[in-house]
Amino acid sequence: MKIEPSEFLPIGNEFQKIFGISFGKFIDMRFLLARKELVFNLLKFTDWLEECYPDECSIDGVSYNAVVERKFGKRGVKMIKKLLK
């Protein structure tokens, strides 16, 4: 997802409100600084989900999408999908 520098703060604030954790933990700062391109690290995010919600993430057949929706609602799912564009 390519963003303008002025959009970084609003996206980060919204992410913090939804997930209760700093957005910066899940982005690649090298891309942001070098190319002004936001790269969301989905692997870091799913690792965080597994750490915080191990029981929900270990249920056979349950997707991370379902865990995000159950824990953070449709706003959480929408935010992650937006970051993966």
N, C-alpha and C. Protein backbone atom coordinates (compact mmCIF):
# COMPACT_ATOMS: atom_id res chain seq x y z
N MET A 1 0.85 -1.17 0.00
CA MET A 1 0.00 0.00 0.00
C MET A 1 0.89 1.23 0.00
N LYS A 2 0.77 2.05 -1.00
CA LYS A 2 1.56 3.28 -1.05
C LYS A 2 0.75 4.40 -0.43
N ILE A 3 1.37 5.10 0.50
CA ILE A 3 0.68 6.20 1.17
C ILE A 3 1.53 7.45 1.13
N GLU A 4 0.87 8.57 1.26
CA GLU A 4 1.55 9.84 1.42
C GLU A 4 1.97 9.96 2.87
N PRO A 5 3.06 10.67 3.14
CA PRO A 5 3.49 10.84 4.53
C PRO A 5 2.40 11.40 5.44
N SER A 6 1.56 12.26 4.89
CA SER A 6 0.50 12.86 5.70
C SER A 6 -0.58 11.85 6.11
N GLU A 7 -0.65 10.70 5.44
CA GLU A 7 -1.65 9.68 5.76
C GLU A 7 -1.17 8.69 6.82
N PHE A 8 0.13 8.68 7.08
CA PHE A 8 0.68 7.68 8.01
C PHE A 8 0.10 7.81 9.41
N LEU A 9 0.06 9.03 9.92
CA LEU A 9 -0.44 9.24 11.29
C LEU A 9 -1.90 8.84 11.45
N PRO A 10 -2.81 9.25 10.56
CA PRO A 10 -4.20 8.82 10.71
C PRO A 10 -4.38 7.30 10.66
N ILE A 11 -3.65 6.65 9.76
CA ILE A 11 -3.75 5.19 9.67
C ILE A 11 -3.21 4.56 10.95
N GLY A 12 -2.08 5.06 11.43
CA GLY A 12 -1.49 4.54 12.66
C GLY A 12 -2.41 4.73 13.86
N ASN A 13 -3.04 5.89 13.94
CA ASN A 13 -3.98 6.15 15.05
C ASN A 13 -5.18 5.22 15.00
N GLU A 14 -5.73 5.02 13.80
CA GLU A 14 -6.88 4.13 13.66
C GLU A 14 -6.49 2.69 14.04
N PHE A 15 -5.33 2.26 13.57
CA PHE A 15 -4.84 0.92 13.90
C PHE A 15 -4.72 0.75 15.42
N GLN A 16 -4.13 1.75 16.08
CA GLN A 16 -3.96 1.72 17.54
C GLN A 16 -5.30 1.63 18.25
N LYS A 17 -6.28 2.38 17.79
CA LYS A 17 -7.62 2.35 18.40
C LYS A 17 -8.26 0.97 18.27
N ILE A 18 -8.11 0.38 17.11
CA ILE A 18 -8.74 -0.92 16.86
C ILE A 18 -8.03 -2.05 17.60
N PHE A 19 -6.71 -2.12 17.46
CA PHE A 19 -5.97 -3.28 17.95
C PHE A 19 -5.26 -3.06 19.29
N GLY A 20 -5.15 -1.81 19.71
CA GLY A 20 -4.52 -1.53 21.00
C GLY A 20 -3.02 -1.75 21.03
N ILE A 21 -2.39 -1.67 19.86
CA ILE A 21 -0.95 -1.86 19.76
C ILE A 21 -0.41 -0.94 18.67
N SER A 22 0.83 -0.57 18.80
CA SER A 22 1.43 0.35 17.84
C SER A 22 1.49 -0.25 16.44
N PHE A 23 1.06 0.54 15.49
CA PHE A 23 1.08 0.17 14.09
C PHE A 23 2.51 -0.07 13.60
N GLY A 24 3.45 0.69 14.13
CA GLY A 24 4.84 0.59 13.71
C GLY A 24 5.46 -0.78 13.91
N LYS A 25 4.91 -1.55 14.81
CA LYS A 25 5.42 -2.90 15.06
C LYS A 25 5.26 -3.82 13.85
N PHE A 26 4.35 -3.47 12.96
CA PHE A 26 3.99 -4.36 11.85
C PHE A 26 4.32 -3.81 10.47
N ILE A 27 5.14 -2.75 10.41
CA ILE A 27 5.50 -2.22 9.09
C ILE A 27 6.99 -2.33 8.88
N ASP A 28 7.38 -2.30 7.62
CA ASP A 28 8.79 -2.33 7.25
C ASP A 28 9.23 -0.88 7.06
N MET A 29 9.97 -0.36 8.03
CA MET A 29 10.38 1.04 8.01
C MET A 29 11.32 1.34 6.84
N ARG A 30 12.06 0.36 6.37
CA ARG A 30 12.97 0.60 5.24
C ARG A 30 12.20 1.05 4.00
N PHE A 31 11.09 0.37 3.72
CA PHE A 31 10.28 0.75 2.57
C PHE A 31 9.65 2.12 2.78
N LEU A 32 9.19 2.36 3.99
CA LEU A 32 8.54 3.64 4.27
C LEU A 32 9.51 4.80 4.08
N LEU A 33 10.71 4.66 4.60
CA LEU A 33 11.68 5.74 4.51
C LEU A 33 12.26 5.89 3.10
N ALA A 34 12.55 4.78 2.47
CA ALA A 34 13.22 4.84 1.17
C ALA A 34 12.26 5.14 0.02
N ARG A 35 11.07 4.56 0.08
CA ARG A 35 10.17 4.67 -1.07
C ARG A 35 8.82 5.29 -0.74
N LYS A 36 8.65 5.70 0.51
CA LYS A 36 7.36 6.25 0.97
C LYS A 36 6.24 5.24 0.70
N GLU A 37 6.59 3.97 0.83
CA GLU A 37 5.62 2.92 0.58
C GLU A 37 5.42 2.13 1.87
N LEU A 38 4.18 2.00 2.25
CA LEU A 38 3.84 1.28 3.46
C LEU A 38 3.73 -0.21 3.14
N VAL A 39 4.54 -1.02 3.82
CA VAL A 39 4.49 -2.46 3.64
C VAL A 39 4.11 -3.07 4.98
N PHE A 40 2.90 -3.59 5.05
CA PHE A 40 2.39 -4.22 6.26
C PHE A 40 2.90 -5.65 6.31
N ASN A 41 3.52 -6.01 7.42
CA ASN A 41 4.09 -7.35 7.57
C ASN A 41 3.02 -8.26 8.19
N LEU A 42 2.33 -8.98 7.34
CA LEU A 42 1.24 -9.85 7.78
C LEU A 42 1.75 -10.98 8.68
N LEU A 43 2.96 -11.47 8.42
CA LEU A 43 3.51 -12.54 9.26
C LEU A 43 3.73 -12.07 10.69
N LYS A 44 4.24 -10.84 10.85
CA LYS A 44 4.40 -10.31 12.20
C LYS A 44 3.05 -10.15 12.89
N PHE A 45 2.05 -9.71 12.12
CA PHE A 45 0.72 -9.52 12.68
C PHE A 45 0.11 -10.85 13.12
N THR A 46 0.23 -11.89 12.29
CA THR A 46 -0.34 -13.18 12.68
C THR A 46 0.43 -13.80 13.84
N ASP A 47 1.74 -13.56 13.91
CA ASP A 47 2.51 -14.00 15.09
C ASP A 47 1.98 -13.33 16.35
N TRP A 48 1.68 -12.03 16.25
CA TRP A 48 1.13 -11.30 17.39
C TRP A 48 -0.25 -11.85 17.77
N LEU A 49 -1.08 -12.15 16.77
CA LEU A 49 -2.39 -12.74 17.07
C LEU A 49 -2.24 -14.06 17.82
N GLU A 50 -1.32 -14.90 17.35
CA GLU A 50 -1.11 -16.20 17.99
C GLU A 50 -0.58 -16.05 19.41
N GLU A 51 0.23 -15.03 19.64
CA GLU A 51 0.76 -14.79 20.98
C GLU A 51 -0.33 -14.30 21.93
N CYS A 52 -1.18 -13.41 21.44
CA CYS A 52 -2.23 -12.82 22.28
C CYS A 52 -3.46 -13.70 22.42
N TYR A 53 -3.78 -14.46 21.39
CA TYR A 53 -5.00 -15.26 21.37
C TYR A 53 -4.70 -16.70 20.94
N PRO A 54 -3.86 -17.38 21.71
CA PRO A 54 -3.43 -18.73 21.28
C PRO A 54 -4.58 -19.73 21.15
N ASP A 55 -5.56 -19.65 22.04
CA ASP A 55 -6.66 -20.61 21.98
C ASP A 55 -7.48 -20.44 20.70
N GLU A 56 -7.79 -19.20 20.36
CA GLU A 56 -8.59 -18.94 19.17
C GLU A 56 -7.84 -19.29 17.88
N CYS A 57 -6.54 -19.03 17.86
CA CYS A 57 -5.75 -19.28 16.66
C CYS A 57 -5.43 -20.75 16.45
N SER A 58 -5.57 -21.55 17.48
CA SER A 58 -5.21 -22.97 17.35
C SER A 58 -6.40 -23.86 17.01
N ILE A 59 -7.57 -23.30 16.86
CA ILE A 59 -8.75 -24.10 16.50
C ILE A 59 -8.63 -24.50 15.04
N ASP A 60 -8.77 -25.80 14.77
CA ASP A 60 -8.66 -26.29 13.40
C ASP A 60 -9.71 -25.64 12.51
N GLY A 61 -9.27 -25.18 11.35
CA GLY A 61 -10.18 -24.62 10.37
C GLY A 61 -10.56 -23.17 10.59
N VAL A 62 -10.08 -22.54 11.66
CA VAL A 62 -10.41 -21.14 11.91
C VAL A 62 -9.32 -20.27 11.28
N SER A 63 -9.76 -19.34 10.46
CA SER A 63 -8.81 -18.46 9.78
C SER A 63 -8.43 -17.29 10.67
N TYR A 64 -7.32 -16.66 10.32
CA TYR A 64 -6.92 -15.45 11.04
C TYR A 64 -7.97 -14.36 10.84
N ASN A 65 -8.56 -14.33 9.67
CA ASN A 65 -9.62 -13.37 9.40
C ASN A 65 -10.76 -13.54 10.41
N ALA A 66 -11.14 -14.77 10.69
CA ALA A 66 -12.20 -15.04 11.66
C ALA A 66 -11.79 -14.61 13.07
N VAL A 67 -10.53 -14.83 13.42
CA VAL A 67 -10.04 -14.43 14.73
C VAL A 67 -10.07 -12.90 14.85
N VAL A 68 -9.62 -12.20 13.81
CA VAL A 68 -9.64 -10.74 13.83
C VAL A 68 -11.08 -10.24 13.96
N GLU A 69 -11.98 -10.83 13.19
CA GLU A 69 -13.38 -10.39 13.27
C GLU A 69 -13.98 -10.67 14.64
N ARG A 70 -13.69 -11.81 15.21
CA ARG A 70 -14.22 -12.16 16.53
C ARG A 70 -13.68 -11.23 17.62
N LYS A 71 -12.40 -10.89 17.55
CA LYS A 71 -11.77 -10.09 18.60
C LYS A 71 -11.88 -8.59 18.37
N PHE A 72 -11.89 -8.15 17.10
CA PHE A 72 -11.83 -6.72 16.80
C PHE A 72 -12.96 -6.22 15.92
N GLY A 73 -13.83 -7.11 15.52
CA GLY A 73 -14.99 -6.70 14.74
C GLY A 73 -14.67 -6.45 13.28
N LYS A 74 -15.69 -5.98 12.58
CA LYS A 74 -15.55 -5.73 11.15
C LYS A 74 -14.56 -4.60 10.86
N ARG A 75 -14.42 -3.65 11.80
CA ARG A 75 -13.44 -2.58 11.62
C ARG A 75 -12.02 -3.15 11.55
N GLY A 76 -11.75 -4.16 12.37
CA GLY A 76 -10.43 -4.80 12.35
C GLY A 76 -10.15 -5.49 11.03
N VAL A 77 -11.14 -6.22 10.55
CA VAL A 77 -10.99 -6.91 9.27
C VAL A 77 -10.79 -5.90 8.14
N LYS A 78 -11.59 -4.84 8.16
CA LYS A 78 -11.49 -3.81 7.12
C LYS A 78 -10.11 -3.16 7.13
N MET A 79 -9.58 -2.89 8.32
CA MET A 79 -8.26 -2.26 8.42
C MET A 79 -7.18 -3.16 7.83
N ILE A 80 -7.20 -4.45 8.18
CA ILE A 80 -6.18 -5.37 7.67
C ILE A 80 -6.28 -5.48 6.14
N LYS A 81 -7.48 -5.60 5.64
CA LYS A 81 -7.65 -5.69 4.17
C LYS A 81 -7.14 -4.42 3.50
N LYS A 82 -7.38 -3.28 4.10
CA LYS A 82 -6.90 -2.00 3.56
C LYS A 82 -5.37 -1.98 3.50
N LEU A 83 -4.74 -2.52 4.52
CA LEU A 83 -3.28 -2.53 4.58
C LEU A 83 -2.64 -3.52 3.61
N LEU A 84 -3.41 -4.49 3.17
CA LEU A 84 -2.87 -5.50 2.26
C LEU A 84 -3.06 -5.16 0.79
N LYS A 85 -3.67 -4.03 0.50
CA LYS A 85 -3.87 -3.62 -0.90
C LYS A 85 -2.56 -3.32 -1.56
